[in-house]
């Protein structure tokens, strides 16, 4: 399995980092395509490169989206399979964390009840 602990997605506005939005295991090593969603009469101006009007304010190993190559059919299948695997692992991890949280909460409630009984 590949390591993605150092992966991150960072958004920029006017060349300034808006901070890390996602990192680690939440960012699988894949190709990402930018998308913009706007509401009503909103407008937006973007620059996906290769010539950036305002260069990012940090030194990362990044490429402009204009250098992105389309995926072959085989690569697309591998990509989709990887994403499914990553989502399954994430869901299992979240379920285990929730089960652990509920068990801990149950123990704390039992302790509270015990202390209430002892104080009577």
PDB file of N, CA and C in Angstrom:
ATOM      1  N   UNK A   1       0.847  -1.185   0.000  1.00  0.00           N
ATOM      2  CA  UNK A   1       0.000   0.000   0.000  1.00  0.00           C
ATOM      3  C   UNK A   1       0.888   1.243   0.000  1.00  0.00           C
ATOM      4  N   UNK A   2       0.488   2.224  -0.751  1.00  0.00           N
ATOM      5  CA  UNK A   2       1.254   3.458  -0.835  1.00  0.00           C
ATOM      6  C   UNK A   2       0.986   4.332   0.381  1.00  0.00           C
ATOM      7  N   UNK A   3       1.907   5.224   0.654  1.00  0.00           N
ATOM      8  CA  UNK A   3       1.762   6.096   1.816  1.00  0.00           C
ATOM      9  C   UNK A   3       1.211   7.445   1.374  1.00  0.00           C
ATOM     10  N   UNK A   4       0.202   7.896   2.040  1.00  0.00           N
ATOM     11  CA  UNK A   4      -0.360   9.210   1.682  1.00  0.00           C
ATOM     12  C   UNK A   4      -0.423  10.137   2.895  1.00  0.00           C
ATOM     13  N   UNK A   5       0.372   9.867   3.914  1.00  0.00           N
ATOM     14  CA  UNK A   5       0.340  10.694   5.127  1.00  0.00           C
ATOM     15  C   UNK A   5       0.743  12.136   4.864  1.00  0.00           C
ATOM     16  N   UNK A   6       1.586  12.343   3.841  1.00  0.00           N
ATOM     17  CA  UNK A   6       2.062  13.700   3.574  1.00  0.00           C
ATOM     18  C   UNK A   6       1.236  14.424   2.513  1.00  0.00           C
ATOM     19  N   UNK A   7       0.225  13.771   1.949  1.00  0.00           N
ATOM     20  CA  UNK A   7      -0.614  14.409   0.947  1.00  0.00           C
ATOM     21  C   UNK A   7      -1.440  15.515   1.585  1.00  0.00           C
ATOM     22  N   UNK A   8      -1.741  16.531   0.797  1.00  0.00           N
ATOM     23  CA  UNK A   8      -2.587  17.610   1.297  1.00  0.00           C
ATOM     24  C   UNK A   8      -3.227  18.350   0.135  1.00  0.00           C
ATOM     25  N   UNK A   9      -4.364  18.928   0.407  1.00  0.00           N
ATOM     26  CA  UNK A   9      -5.032  19.805  -0.544  1.00  0.00           C
ATOM     27  C   UNK A   9      -5.103  21.175   0.115  1.00  0.00           C
ATOM     28  N   UNK A  10      -4.575  22.158  -0.606  1.00  0.00           N
ATOM     29  CA  UNK A  10      -4.515  23.530  -0.116  1.00  0.00           C
ATOM     30  C   UNK A  10      -5.214  24.420  -1.138  1.00  0.00           C
ATOM     31  N   UNK A  11      -6.053  25.324  -0.678  1.00  0.00           N
ATOM     32  CA  UNK A  11      -6.697  26.273  -1.570  1.00  0.00           C
ATOM     33  C   UNK A  11      -6.000  27.616  -1.465  1.00  0.00           C
ATOM     34  N   UNK A  12      -5.964  28.329  -2.595  1.00  0.00           N
ATOM     35  CA  UNK A  12      -5.328  29.634  -2.656  1.00  0.00           C
ATOM     36  C   UNK A  12      -6.317  30.671  -3.148  1.00  0.00           C
ATOM     37  N   UNK A  13      -6.201  31.865  -2.623  1.00  0.00           N
ATOM     38  CA  UNK A  13      -6.990  32.997  -3.092  1.00  0.00           C
ATOM     39  C   UNK A  13      -6.015  34.143  -3.323  1.00  0.00           C
ATOM     40  N   UNK A  14      -5.956  34.618  -4.555  1.00  0.00           N
ATOM     41  CA  UNK A  14      -5.019  35.676  -4.938  1.00  0.00           C
ATOM     42  C   UNK A  14      -3.584  35.318  -4.564  1.00  0.00           C
ATOM     43  N   UNK A  15      -3.242  34.037  -4.726  1.00  0.00           N
ATOM     44  CA  UNK A  15      -1.886  33.582  -4.449  1.00  0.00           C
ATOM     45  C   UNK A  15      -1.596  33.298  -2.996  1.00  0.00           C
ATOM     46  N   UNK A  16      -2.523  33.588  -2.105  1.00  0.00           N
ATOM     47  CA  UNK A  16      -2.315  33.365  -0.678  1.00  0.00           C
ATOM     48  C   UNK A  16      -2.993  32.080  -0.233  1.00  0.00           C
ATOM     49  N   UNK A  17      -2.239  31.269   0.469  1.00  0.00           N
ATOM     50  CA  UNK A  17      -2.780  30.012   0.971  1.00  0.00           C
ATOM     51  C   UNK A  17      -3.923  30.276   1.937  1.00  0.00           C
ATOM     52  N   UNK A  18      -5.006  29.528   1.772  1.00  0.00           N
ATOM     53  CA  UNK A  18      -6.136  29.619   2.689  1.00  0.00           C
ATOM     54  C   UNK A  18      -6.052  28.528   3.745  1.00  0.00           C
ATOM     55  N   UNK A  19      -4.902  27.849   3.782  1.00  0.00           N
ATOM     56  CA  UNK A  19      -4.683  26.795   4.764  1.00  0.00           C
ATOM     57  C   UNK A  19      -4.929  25.419   4.173  1.00  0.00           C
ATOM     58  N   UNK A  20      -4.528  24.417   4.899  1.00  0.00           N
ATOM     59  CA  UNK A  20      -4.705  23.038   4.461  1.00  0.00           C
ATOM     60  C   UNK A  20      -6.159  22.644   4.705  1.00  0.00           C
ATOM     61  N   UNK A  21      -6.836  22.259   3.628  1.00  0.00           N
ATOM     62  CA  UNK A  21      -8.240  21.857   3.730  1.00  0.00           C
ATOM     63  C   UNK A  21      -8.356  20.379   4.095  1.00  0.00           C
ATOM     64  N   UNK A  22      -7.505  19.561   3.502  1.00  0.00           N
ATOM     65  CA  UNK A  22      -7.520  18.118   3.747  1.00  0.00           C
ATOM     66  C   UNK A  22      -6.079  17.647   3.763  1.00  0.00           C
ATOM     67  N   UNK A  23      -5.798  16.622   4.598  1.00  0.00           N
ATOM     68  CA  UNK A  23      -4.441  16.080   4.593  1.00  0.00           C
ATOM     69  C   UNK A  23      -4.432  14.621   5.029  1.00  0.00           C
ATOM     70  N   UNK A  24      -3.264  14.014   4.881  1.00  0.00           N
ATOM     71  CA  UNK A  24      -3.061  12.642   5.336  1.00  0.00           C
ATOM     72  C   UNK A  24      -3.897  11.630   4.601  1.00  0.00           C
ATOM     73  N   UNK A  25      -4.479  10.715   5.356  1.00  0.00           N
ATOM     74  CA  UNK A  25      -5.222   9.600   4.777  1.00  0.00           C
ATOM     75  C   UNK A  25      -6.501  10.049   4.069  1.00  0.00           C
ATOM     76  N   UNK A  26      -6.957  11.283   4.301  1.00  0.00           N
ATOM     77  CA  UNK A  26      -8.146  11.790   3.621  1.00  0.00           C
ATOM     78  C   UNK A  26      -7.853  12.231   2.187  1.00  0.00           C
ATOM     79  N   UNK A  27      -6.574  12.248   1.807  1.00  0.00           N
ATOM     80  CA  UNK A  27      -6.187  12.678   0.465  1.00  0.00           C
ATOM     81  C   UNK A  27      -5.434  11.546  -0.230  1.00  0.00           C
ATOM     82  N   UNK A  28      -6.140  10.685  -0.946  1.00  0.00           N
ATOM     83  CA  UNK A  28      -5.451   9.601  -1.651  1.00  0.00           C
ATOM     84  C   UNK A  28      -4.551  10.146  -2.746  1.00  0.00           C
ATOM     85  N   UNK A  29      -3.484   9.423  -3.036  1.00  0.00           N
ATOM     86  CA  UNK A  29      -2.564   9.817  -4.090  1.00  0.00           C
ATOM     87  C   UNK A  29      -3.232   9.545  -5.433  1.00  0.00           C
ATOM     88  N   UNK A  30      -3.797  10.583  -6.017  1.00  0.00           N
ATOM     89  CA  UNK A  30      -4.522  10.471  -7.272  1.00  0.00           C
ATOM     90  C   UNK A  30      -4.384  11.769  -8.052  1.00  0.00           C
ATOM     91  N   UNK A  31      -5.121  11.839  -9.149  1.00  0.00           N
ATOM     92  CA  UNK A  31      -5.206  13.061  -9.936  1.00  0.00           C
ATOM     93  C   UNK A  31      -6.511  13.747  -9.568  1.00  0.00           C
ATOM     94  N   UNK A  32      -6.447  15.039  -9.325  1.00  0.00           N
ATOM     95  CA  UNK A  32      -7.627  15.796  -8.950  1.00  0.00           C
ATOM     96  C   UNK A  32      -7.949  16.830 -10.017  1.00  0.00           C
ATOM     97  N   UNK A  33      -9.223  17.048 -10.241  1.00  0.00           N
ATOM     98  CA  UNK A  33      -9.686  18.009 -11.219  1.00  0.00           C
ATOM     99  C   UNK A  33     -10.413  19.134 -10.490  1.00  0.00           C
ATOM    100  N   UNK A  34     -10.046  20.379 -10.768  1.00  0.00           N
ATOM    101  CA  UNK A  34     -10.708  21.483 -10.072  1.00  0.00           C
ATOM    102  C   UNK A  34     -12.159  21.624 -10.528  1.00  0.00           C
ATOM    103  N   UNK A  35     -12.989  22.076  -9.643  1.00  0.00           N
ATOM    104  CA  UNK A  35     -14.387  22.342  -9.952  1.00  0.00           C
ATOM    105  C   UNK A  35     -14.833  23.556  -9.156  1.00  0.00           C
ATOM    106  N   UNK A  36     -15.755  24.285  -9.717  1.00  0.00           N
ATOM    107  CA  UNK A  36     -16.266  25.480  -9.060  1.00  0.00           C
ATOM    108  C   UNK A  36     -17.779  25.417  -9.100  1.00  0.00           C
ATOM    109  N   UNK A  37     -18.383  25.699  -7.993  1.00  0.00           N
ATOM    110  CA  UNK A  37     -19.833  25.766  -7.903  1.00  0.00           C
ATOM    111  C   UNK A  37     -20.208  27.168  -7.468  1.00  0.00           C
ATOM    112  N   UNK A  38     -21.092  27.800  -8.224  1.00  0.00           N
ATOM    113  CA  UNK A  38     -21.508  29.150  -7.864  1.00  0.00           C
ATOM    114  C   UNK A  38     -23.023  29.193  -7.708  1.00  0.00           C
ATOM    115  N   UNK A  39     -23.502  30.198  -7.044  1.00  0.00           N
ATOM    116  CA  UNK A  39     -24.912  30.319  -6.717  1.00  0.00           C
ATOM    117  C   UNK A  39     -25.473  31.610  -7.308  1.00  0.00           C
ATOM    118  N   UNK A  40     -26.617  31.497  -7.955  1.00  0.00           N
ATOM    119  CA  UNK A  40     -27.348  32.624  -8.555  1.00  0.00           C
ATOM    120  C   UNK A  40     -26.471  33.398  -9.526  1.00  0.00           C
ATOM    121  N   UNK A  41     -26.283  34.676  -9.298  1.00  0.00           N
ATOM    122  CA  UNK A  41     -25.584  35.544 -10.255  1.00  0.00           C
ATOM    123  C   UNK A  41     -24.092  35.707  -9.944  1.00  0.00           C
ATOM    124  N   UNK A  42     -23.556  34.821  -9.128  1.00  0.00           N
ATOM    125  CA  UNK A  42     -22.144  34.931  -8.748  1.00  0.00           C
ATOM    126  C   UNK A  42     -21.248  34.733  -9.972  1.00  0.00           C
ATOM    127  N   UNK A  43     -20.101  35.349  -9.942  1.00  0.00           N
ATOM    128  CA  UNK A  43     -19.107  35.152 -10.996  1.00  0.00           C
ATOM    129  C   UNK A  43     -17.785  34.814 -10.334  1.00  0.00           C
ATOM    130  N   UNK A  44     -16.956  34.170 -11.085  1.00  0.00           N
ATOM    131  CA  UNK A  44     -15.656  33.756 -10.566  1.00  0.00           C
ATOM    132  C   UNK A  44     -14.649  33.812 -11.701  1.00  0.00           C
ATOM    133  N   UNK A  45     -13.417  34.105 -11.366  1.00  0.00           N
ATOM    134  CA  UNK A  45     -12.337  34.121 -12.347  1.00  0.00           C
ATOM    135  C   UNK A  45     -11.250  33.200 -11.817  1.00  0.00           C
ATOM    136  N   UNK A  46     -10.830  32.253 -12.644  1.00  0.00           N
ATOM    137  CA  UNK A  46      -9.805  31.296 -12.223  1.00  0.00           C
ATOM    138  C   UNK A  46      -8.658  31.280 -13.213  1.00  0.00           C
ATOM    139  N   UNK A  47      -7.539  30.804 -12.731  1.00  0.00           N
ATOM    140  CA  UNK A  47      -6.355  30.645 -13.572  1.00  0.00           C
ATOM    141  C   UNK A  47      -5.722  29.318 -13.202  1.00  0.00           C
ATOM    142  N   UNK A  48      -5.867  28.323 -14.064  1.00  0.00           N
ATOM    143  CA  UNK A  48      -5.312  27.001 -13.806  1.00  0.00           C
ATOM    144  C   UNK A  48      -3.911  26.846 -14.395  1.00  0.00           C
ATOM    145  N   UNK A  49      -3.301  27.922 -14.834  1.00  0.00           N
ATOM    146  CA  UNK A  49      -1.939  27.879 -15.360  1.00  0.00           C
ATOM    147  C   UNK A  49      -1.927  27.645 -16.860  1.00  0.00           C
ATOM    148  N   UNK A  50      -0.772  27.512 -17.473  1.00  0.00           N
ATOM    149  CA  UNK A  50       0.547  27.369 -16.867  1.00  0.00           C
ATOM    150  C   UNK A  50       1.166  28.681 -16.398  1.00  0.00           C
ATOM    151  N   UNK A  51       0.666  29.815 -16.874  1.00  0.00           N
ATOM    152  CA  UNK A  51       1.197  31.090 -16.420  1.00  0.00           C
ATOM    153  C   UNK A  51       0.263  31.637 -15.354  1.00  0.00           C
ATOM    154  N   UNK A  52       0.727  31.602 -14.125  1.00  0.00           N
ATOM    155  CA  UNK A  52      -0.086  32.079 -13.027  1.00  0.00           C
ATOM    156  C   UNK A  52       0.043  33.594 -12.914  1.00  0.00           C
ATOM    157  N   UNK A  53      -1.082  34.264 -12.784  1.00  0.00           N
ATOM    158  CA  UNK A  53      -1.069  35.714 -12.603  1.00  0.00           C
ATOM    159  C   UNK A  53      -0.391  36.036 -11.277  1.00  0.00           C
ATOM    160  N   UNK A  54      -0.811  35.316 -10.250  1.00  0.00           N
ATOM    161  CA  UNK A  54      -0.205  35.460  -8.924  1.00  0.00           C
ATOM    162  C   UNK A  54       0.264  34.067  -8.506  1.00  0.00           C
ATOM    163  N   UNK A  55       1.553  33.898  -8.371  1.00  0.00           N
ATOM    164  CA  UNK A  55       2.080  32.583  -7.993  1.00  0.00           C
ATOM    165  C   UNK A  55       1.751  32.289  -6.529  1.00  0.00           C
ATOM    166  N   UNK A  56       1.515  30.995  -6.215  1.00  0.00           N
ATOM    167  CA  UNK A  56       1.265  30.628  -4.808  1.00  0.00           C
ATOM    168  C   UNK A  56       2.393  31.105  -3.905  1.00  0.00           C
ATOM    169  N   UNK A  57       2.031  31.475  -2.688  1.00  0.00           N
ATOM    170  CA  UNK A  57       2.992  32.045  -1.742  1.00  0.00           C
ATOM    171  C   UNK A  57       3.832  31.001  -1.015  1.00  0.00           C
ATOM    172  N   UNK A  58       3.768  29.753  -1.432  1.00  0.00           N
ATOM    173  CA  UNK A  58       4.573  28.714  -0.807  1.00  0.00           C
ATOM    174  C   UNK A  58       5.303  27.934  -1.873  1.00  0.00           C
ATOM    175  N   UNK A  59       6.363  27.280  -1.470  1.00  0.00           N
ATOM    176  CA  UNK A  59       7.145  26.508  -2.438  1.00  0.00           C
ATOM    177  C   UNK A  59       6.776  25.038  -2.326  1.00  0.00           C
ATOM    178  N   UNK A  60       5.800  24.620  -3.131  1.00  0.00           N
ATOM    179  CA  UNK A  60       5.392  23.228  -3.188  1.00  0.00           C
ATOM    180  C   UNK A  60       5.737  22.674  -4.563  1.00  0.00           C
ATOM    181  N   UNK A  61       5.798  21.367  -4.641  1.00  0.00           N
ATOM    182  CA  UNK A  61       6.014  20.718  -5.923  1.00  0.00           C
ATOM    183  C   UNK A  61       4.649  20.590  -6.597  1.00  0.00           C
ATOM    184  N   UNK A  62       4.224  21.621  -7.309  1.00  0.00           N
ATOM    185  CA  UNK A  62       2.918  21.607  -7.943  1.00  0.00           C
ATOM    186  C   UNK A  62       3.073  21.804  -9.450  1.00  0.00           C
ATOM    187  N   UNK A  63       2.088  21.368 -10.189  1.00  0.00           N
ATOM    188  CA  UNK A  63       2.022  21.578 -11.627  1.00  0.00           C
ATOM    189  C   UNK A  63       0.695  22.258 -11.954  1.00  0.00           C
ATOM    190  N   UNK A  64       0.685  23.100 -12.974  1.00  0.00           N
ATOM    191  CA  UNK A  64      -0.589  23.698 -13.369  1.00  0.00           C
ATOM    192  C   UNK A  64      -1.520  22.639 -13.949  1.00  0.00           C
ATOM    193  N   UNK A  65      -2.804  22.844 -13.810  1.00  0.00           N
ATOM    194  CA  UNK A  65      -3.784  21.881 -14.297  1.00  0.00           C
ATOM    195  C   UNK A  65      -3.667  21.702 -15.806  1.00  0.00           C
ATOM    196  N   UNK A  66      -3.107  22.698 -16.499  1.00  0.00           N
ATOM    197  CA  UNK A  66      -2.949  22.591 -17.947  1.00  0.00           C
ATOM    198  C   UNK A  66      -1.980  21.477 -18.333  1.00  0.00           C
ATOM    199  N   UNK A  67      -1.172  20.996 -17.395  1.00  0.00           N
ATOM    200  CA  UNK A  67      -0.237  19.912 -17.674  1.00  0.00           C
ATOM    201  C   UNK A  67      -0.804  18.536 -17.358  1.00  0.00           C
ATOM    202  N   UNK A  68      -2.044  18.503 -16.904  1.00  0.00           N
ATOM    203  CA  UNK A  68      -2.692  17.244 -16.577  1.00  0.00           C
ATOM    204  C   UNK A  68      -2.959  16.440 -17.843  1.00  0.00           C
ATOM    205  N   UNK A  69      -2.612  15.177 -17.810  1.00  0.00           N
ATOM    206  CA  UNK A  69      -2.847  14.287 -18.943  1.00  0.00           C
ATOM    207  C   UNK A  69      -4.086  13.449 -18.672  1.00  0.00           C
ATOM    208  N   UNK A  70      -4.902  13.208 -19.710  1.00  0.00           N
ATOM    209  CA  UNK A  70      -6.098  12.377 -19.495  1.00  0.00           C
ATOM    210  C   UNK A  70      -5.725  10.953 -19.104  1.00  0.00           C
ATOM    211  N   UNK A  71      -6.573  10.309 -18.328  1.00  0.00           N
ATOM    212  CA  UNK A  71      -6.338   8.933 -17.908  1.00  0.00           C
ATOM    213  C   UNK A  71      -6.730   7.964 -19.013  1.00  0.00           C
ATOM    214  N   UNK A  72      -5.933   6.915 -19.164  1.00  0.00           N
ATOM    215  CA  UNK A  72      -6.303   5.844 -20.090  1.00  0.00           C
ATOM    216  C   UNK A  72      -7.427   5.032 -19.448  1.00  0.00           C
ATOM    217  N   UNK A  73      -8.065   4.162 -20.214  1.00  0.00           N
ATOM    218  CA  UNK A  73      -9.146   3.334 -19.684  1.00  0.00           C
ATOM    219  C   UNK A  73      -8.628   2.469 -18.533  1.00  0.00           C
ATOM    220  N   UNK A  74      -7.437   1.892 -18.695  1.00  0.00           N
ATOM    221  CA  UNK A  74      -6.855   1.051 -17.648  1.00  0.00           C
ATOM    222  C   UNK A  74      -6.544   1.859 -16.399  1.00  0.00           C
ATOM    223  N   UNK A  75      -5.972   3.053 -16.595  1.00  0.00           N
ATOM    224  CA  UNK A  75      -5.664   3.915 -15.458  1.00  0.00           C
ATOM    225  C   UNK A  75      -6.935   4.353 -14.744  1.00  0.00           C
ATOM    226  N   UNK A  76      -7.992   4.610 -15.512  1.00  0.00           N
ATOM    227  CA  UNK A  76      -9.259   5.026 -14.911  1.00  0.00           C
ATOM    228  C   UNK A  76      -9.833   3.913 -14.034  1.00  0.00           C
ATOM    229  N   UNK A  77      -9.750   2.675 -14.528  1.00  0.00           N
ATOM    230  CA  UNK A  77     -10.234   1.532 -13.746  1.00  0.00           C
ATOM    231  C   UNK A  77      -9.437   1.403 -12.454  1.00  0.00           C
ATOM    232  N   UNK A  78      -8.105   1.529 -12.554  1.00  0.00           N
ATOM    233  CA  UNK A  78      -7.253   1.440 -11.360  1.00  0.00           C
ATOM    234  C   UNK A  78      -7.581   2.579 -10.394  1.00  0.00           C
ATOM    235  N   UNK A  79      -7.760   3.771 -10.930  1.00  0.00           N
ATOM    236  CA  UNK A  79      -8.105   4.931 -10.115  1.00  0.00           C
ATOM    237  C   UNK A  79      -9.416   4.683  -9.366  1.00  0.00           C
ATOM    238  N   UNK A  80     -10.438   4.227 -10.081  1.00  0.00           N
ATOM    239  CA  UNK A  80     -11.742   3.978  -9.459  1.00  0.00           C
ATOM    240  C   UNK A  80     -11.651   2.914  -8.374  1.00  0.00           C
ATOM    241  N   UNK A  81     -10.886   1.860  -8.635  1.00  0.00           N
ATOM    242  CA  UNK A  81     -10.713   0.796  -7.650  1.00  0.00           C
ATOM    243  C   UNK A  81     -10.001   1.322  -6.406  1.00  0.00           C
ATOM    244  N   UNK A  82      -8.976   2.141  -6.613  1.00  0.00           N
ATOM    245  CA  UNK A  82      -8.246   2.735  -5.489  1.00  0.00           C
ATOM    246  C   UNK A  82      -9.155   3.602  -4.642  1.00  0.00           C
ATOM    247  N   UNK A  83      -9.966   4.411  -5.310  1.00  0.00           N
ATOM    248  CA  UNK A  83     -10.882   5.296  -4.586  1.00  0.00           C
ATOM    249  C   UNK A  83     -11.873   4.471  -3.766  1.00  0.00           C
ATOM    250  N   UNK A  84     -12.418   3.415  -4.355  1.00  0.00           N
ATOM    251  CA  UNK A  84     -13.349   2.552  -3.616  1.00  0.00           C
ATOM    252  C   UNK A  84     -12.679   1.935  -2.398  1.00  0.00           C
ATOM    253  N   UNK A  85     -11.444   1.472  -2.569  1.00  0.00           N
ATOM    254  CA  UNK A  85     -10.697   0.868  -1.466  1.00  0.00           C
ATOM    255  C   UNK A  85     -10.440   1.900  -0.363  1.00  0.00           C
ATOM    256  N   UNK A  86     -10.029   3.084  -0.755  1.00  0.00           N
ATOM    257  CA  UNK A  86      -9.741   4.146   0.212  1.00  0.00           C
ATOM    258  C   UNK A  86     -11.007   4.533   0.969  1.00  0.00           C
ATOM    259  N   UNK A  87     -12.114   4.657   0.259  1.00  0.00           N
ATOM    260  CA  UNK A  87     -13.377   5.011   0.923  1.00  0.00           C
ATOM    261  C   UNK A  87     -13.807   3.918   1.893  1.00  0.00           C
ATOM    262  N   UNK A  88     -13.633   2.663   1.488  1.00  0.00           N
ATOM    263  CA  UNK A  88     -14.008   1.551   2.365  1.00  0.00           C
ATOM    264  C   UNK A  88     -13.148   1.574   3.629  1.00  0.00           C
ATOM    265  N   UNK A  89     -11.836   1.753   3.471  1.00  0.00           N
ATOM    266  CA  UNK A  89     -10.934   1.805   4.621  1.00  0.00           C
ATOM    267  C   UNK A  89     -11.294   2.982   5.533  1.00  0.00           C
ATOM    268  N   UNK A  90     -11.609   4.138   4.933  1.00  0.00           N
ATOM    269  CA  UNK A  90     -11.982   5.315   5.725  1.00  0.00           C
ATOM    270  C   UNK A  90     -13.270   5.052   6.496  1.00  0.00           C
ATOM    271  N   UNK A  91     -14.268   4.463   5.811  1.00  0.00           N
ATOM    272  CA  UNK A  91     -15.538   4.163   6.474  1.00  0.00           C
ATOM    273  C   UNK A  91     -15.346   3.189   7.632  1.00  0.00           C
ATOM    274  N   UNK A  92     -14.507   2.176   7.423  1.00  0.00           N
ATOM    275  CA  UNK A  92     -14.231   1.215   8.495  1.00  0.00           C
ATOM    276  C   UNK A  92     -13.537   1.897   9.665  1.00  0.00           C
ATOM    277  N   UNK A  93     -12.597   2.786   9.363  1.00  0.00           N
ATOM    278  CA  UNK A  93     -11.879   3.519  10.401  1.00  0.00           C
ATOM    279  C   UNK A  93     -12.841   4.410  11.187  1.00  0.00           C
ATOM    280  N   UNK A  94     -13.755   5.094  10.474  1.00  0.00           N
ATOM    281  CA  UNK A  94     -14.728   5.964  11.144  1.00  0.00           C
ATOM    282  C   UNK A  94     -15.700   5.153  11.996  1.00  0.00           C
ATOM    283  N   UNK A  95     -16.121   3.989  11.509  1.00  0.00           N
ATOM    284  CA  UNK A  95     -17.012   3.126  12.294  1.00  0.00           C
ATOM    285  C   UNK A  95     -16.319   2.648  13.564  1.00  0.00           C
ATOM    286  N   UNK A  96     -15.039   2.277  13.444  1.00  0.00           N
ATOM    287  CA  UNK A  96     -14.278   1.820  14.615  1.00  0.00           C
ATOM    288  C   UNK A  96     -14.131   2.967  15.617  1.00  0.00           C
ATOM    289  N   UNK A  97     -13.867   4.183  15.131  1.00  0.00           N
ATOM    290  CA  UNK A  97     -13.739   5.333  16.025  1.00  0.00           C
ATOM    291  C   UNK A  97     -15.061   5.626  16.728  1.00  0.00           C
ATOM    292  N   UNK A  98     -16.170   5.512  15.997  1.00  0.00           N
ATOM    293  CA  UNK A  98     -17.486   5.758  16.591  1.00  0.00           C
ATOM    294  C   UNK A  98     -17.807   4.700  17.641  1.00  0.00           C
ATOM    295  N   UNK A  99     -17.484   3.436  17.333  1.00  0.00           N
ATOM    296  CA  UNK A  99     -17.718   2.356  18.294  1.00  0.00           C
ATOM    297  C   UNK A  99     -16.886   2.586  19.556  1.00  0.00           C
ATOM    298  N   UNK A 100     -15.648   3.017  19.380  1.00  0.00           N
ATOM    299  CA  UNK A 100     -14.777   3.306  20.521  1.00  0.00           C
ATOM    300  C   UNK A 100     -15.330   4.470  21.342  1.00  0.00           C
ATOM    301  N   UNK A 101     -15.825   5.500  20.653  1.00  0.00           N
ATOM    302  CA  UNK A 101     -16.405   6.654  21.346  1.00  0.00           C
ATOM    303  C   UNK A 101     -17.638   6.238  22.141  1.00  0.00           C
ATOM    304  N   UNK A 102     -18.494   5.428  21.540  1.00  0.00           N
ATOM    305  CA  UNK A 102     -19.702   4.981  22.232  1.00  0.00           C
ATOM    306  C   UNK A 102     -19.371   4.098  23.431  1.00  0.00           C
ATOM    307  N   UNK A 103     -18.372   3.226  23.278  1.00  0.00           N
ATOM    308  CA  UNK A 103     -17.960   2.369  24.390  1.00  0.00           C
ATOM    309  C   UNK A 103     -17.413   3.217  25.536  1.00  0.00           C
ATOM    310  N   UNK A 104     -16.601   4.212  25.194  1.00  0.00           N
ATOM    311  CA  UNK A 104     -16.041   5.101  26.215  1.00  0.00           C
ATOM    312  C   UNK A 104     -17.153   5.877  26.916  1.00  0.00           C
ATOM    313  N   UNK A 105     -18.121   6.348  26.133  1.00  0.00           N
ATOM    314  CA  UNK A 105     -19.248   7.085  26.700  1.00  0.00           C
ATOM    315  C   UNK A 105     -20.053   6.186  27.634  1.00  0.00           C
ATOM    316  N   UNK A 106     -20.239   4.940  27.247  1.00  0.00           N
ATOM    317  CA  UNK A 106     -20.987   3.991  28.066  1.00  0.00           C
ATOM    318  C   UNK A 106     -20.272   3.741  29.396  1.00  0.00           C
ATOM    319  N   UNK A 107     -18.948   3.609  29.350  1.00  0.00           N
ATOM    320  CA  UNK A 107     -18.168   3.401  30.568  1.00  0.00           C
ATOM    321  C   UNK A 107     -18.286   4.616  31.482  1.00  0.00           C
ATOM    322  N   UNK A 108     -18.215   5.811  30.898  1.00  0.00           N
ATOM    323  CA  UNK A 108     -18.320   7.030  31.711  1.00  0.00           C
ATOM    324  C   UNK A 108     -19.703   7.142  32.343  1.00  0.00           C
ATOM    325  N   UNK A 109     -20.736   6.791  31.608  1.00  0.00           N
ATOM    326  CA  UNK A 109     -22.099   6.834  32.168  1.00  0.00           C
ATOM    327  C   UNK A 109     -22.249   5.821  33.298  1.00  0.00           C
ATOM    328  N   UNK A 110     -21.662   4.631  33.124  1.00  0.00           N
ATOM    329  CA  UNK A 110     -21.715   3.614  34.185  1.00  0.00           C
ATOM    330  C   UNK A 110     -20.975   4.116  35.422  1.00  0.00           C
ATOM    331  N   UNK A 111     -19.827   4.741  35.235  1.00  0.00           N
ATOM    332  CA  UNK A 111     -19.089   5.307  36.364  1.00  0.00           C
ATOM    333  C   UNK A 111     -19.915   6.372  37.075  1.00  0.00           C
ATOM    334  N   UNK A 112     -20.600   7.222  36.309  1.00  0.00           N
ATOM    335  CA  UNK A 112     -21.450   8.272  36.894  1.00  0.00           C
ATOM    336  C   UNK A 112     -22.566   7.656  37.718  1.00  0.00           C
ATOM    337  N   UNK A 113     -23.193   6.605  37.185  1.00  0.00           N
ATOM    338  CA  UNK A 113     -24.264   5.927  37.926  1.00  0.00           C
ATOM    339  C   UNK A 113     -23.734   5.303  39.203  1.00  0.00           C
ATOM    340  N   UNK A 114     -22.551   4.711  39.137  1.00  0.00           N
ATOM    341  CA  UNK A 114     -21.937   4.090  40.313  1.00  0.00           C
ATOM    342  C   UNK A 114     -21.654   5.122  41.382  1.00  0.00           C
ATOM    343  N   UNK A 115     -21.134   6.292  40.945  1.00  0.00           N
ATOM    344  CA  UNK A 115     -20.834   7.353  41.904  1.00  0.00           C
ATOM    345  C   UNK A 115     -22.117   7.883  42.524  1.00  0.00           C
ATOM    346  N   UNK A 116     -23.210   7.947  41.757  1.00  0.00           N
ATOM    347  CA  UNK A 116     -24.490   8.410  42.276  1.00  0.00           C
ATOM    348  C   UNK A 116     -25.027   7.443  43.335  1.00  0.00           C
ATOM    349  N   UNK A 117     -24.896   6.147  43.071  1.00  0.00           N
ATOM    350  CA  UNK A 117     -25.363   5.128  44.001  1.00  0.00           C
ATOM    351  C   UNK A 117     -24.536   5.179  45.280  1.00  0.00           C
ATOM    352  N   UNK A 118     -23.219   5.347  45.141  1.00  0.00           N
ATOM    353  CA  UNK A 118     -22.340   5.384  46.307  1.00  0.00           C
ATOM    354  C   UNK A 118     -22.603   6.614  47.173  1.00  0.00           C
ATOM    355  N   UNK A 119     -23.030   7.708  46.558  1.00  0.00           N
ATOM    356  CA  UNK A 119     -23.268   8.923  47.333  1.00  0.00           C
ATOM    357  C   UNK A 119     -24.573   8.875  48.112  1.00  0.00           C
ATOM    358  N   UNK A 120     -25.434   7.901  47.778  1.00  0.00           N
ATOM    359  CA  UNK A 120     -26.688   7.767  48.526  1.00  0.00           C
ATOM    360  C   UNK A 120     -26.392   7.097  49.811  1.00  0.00           C
TER     361      UNK A 120
END
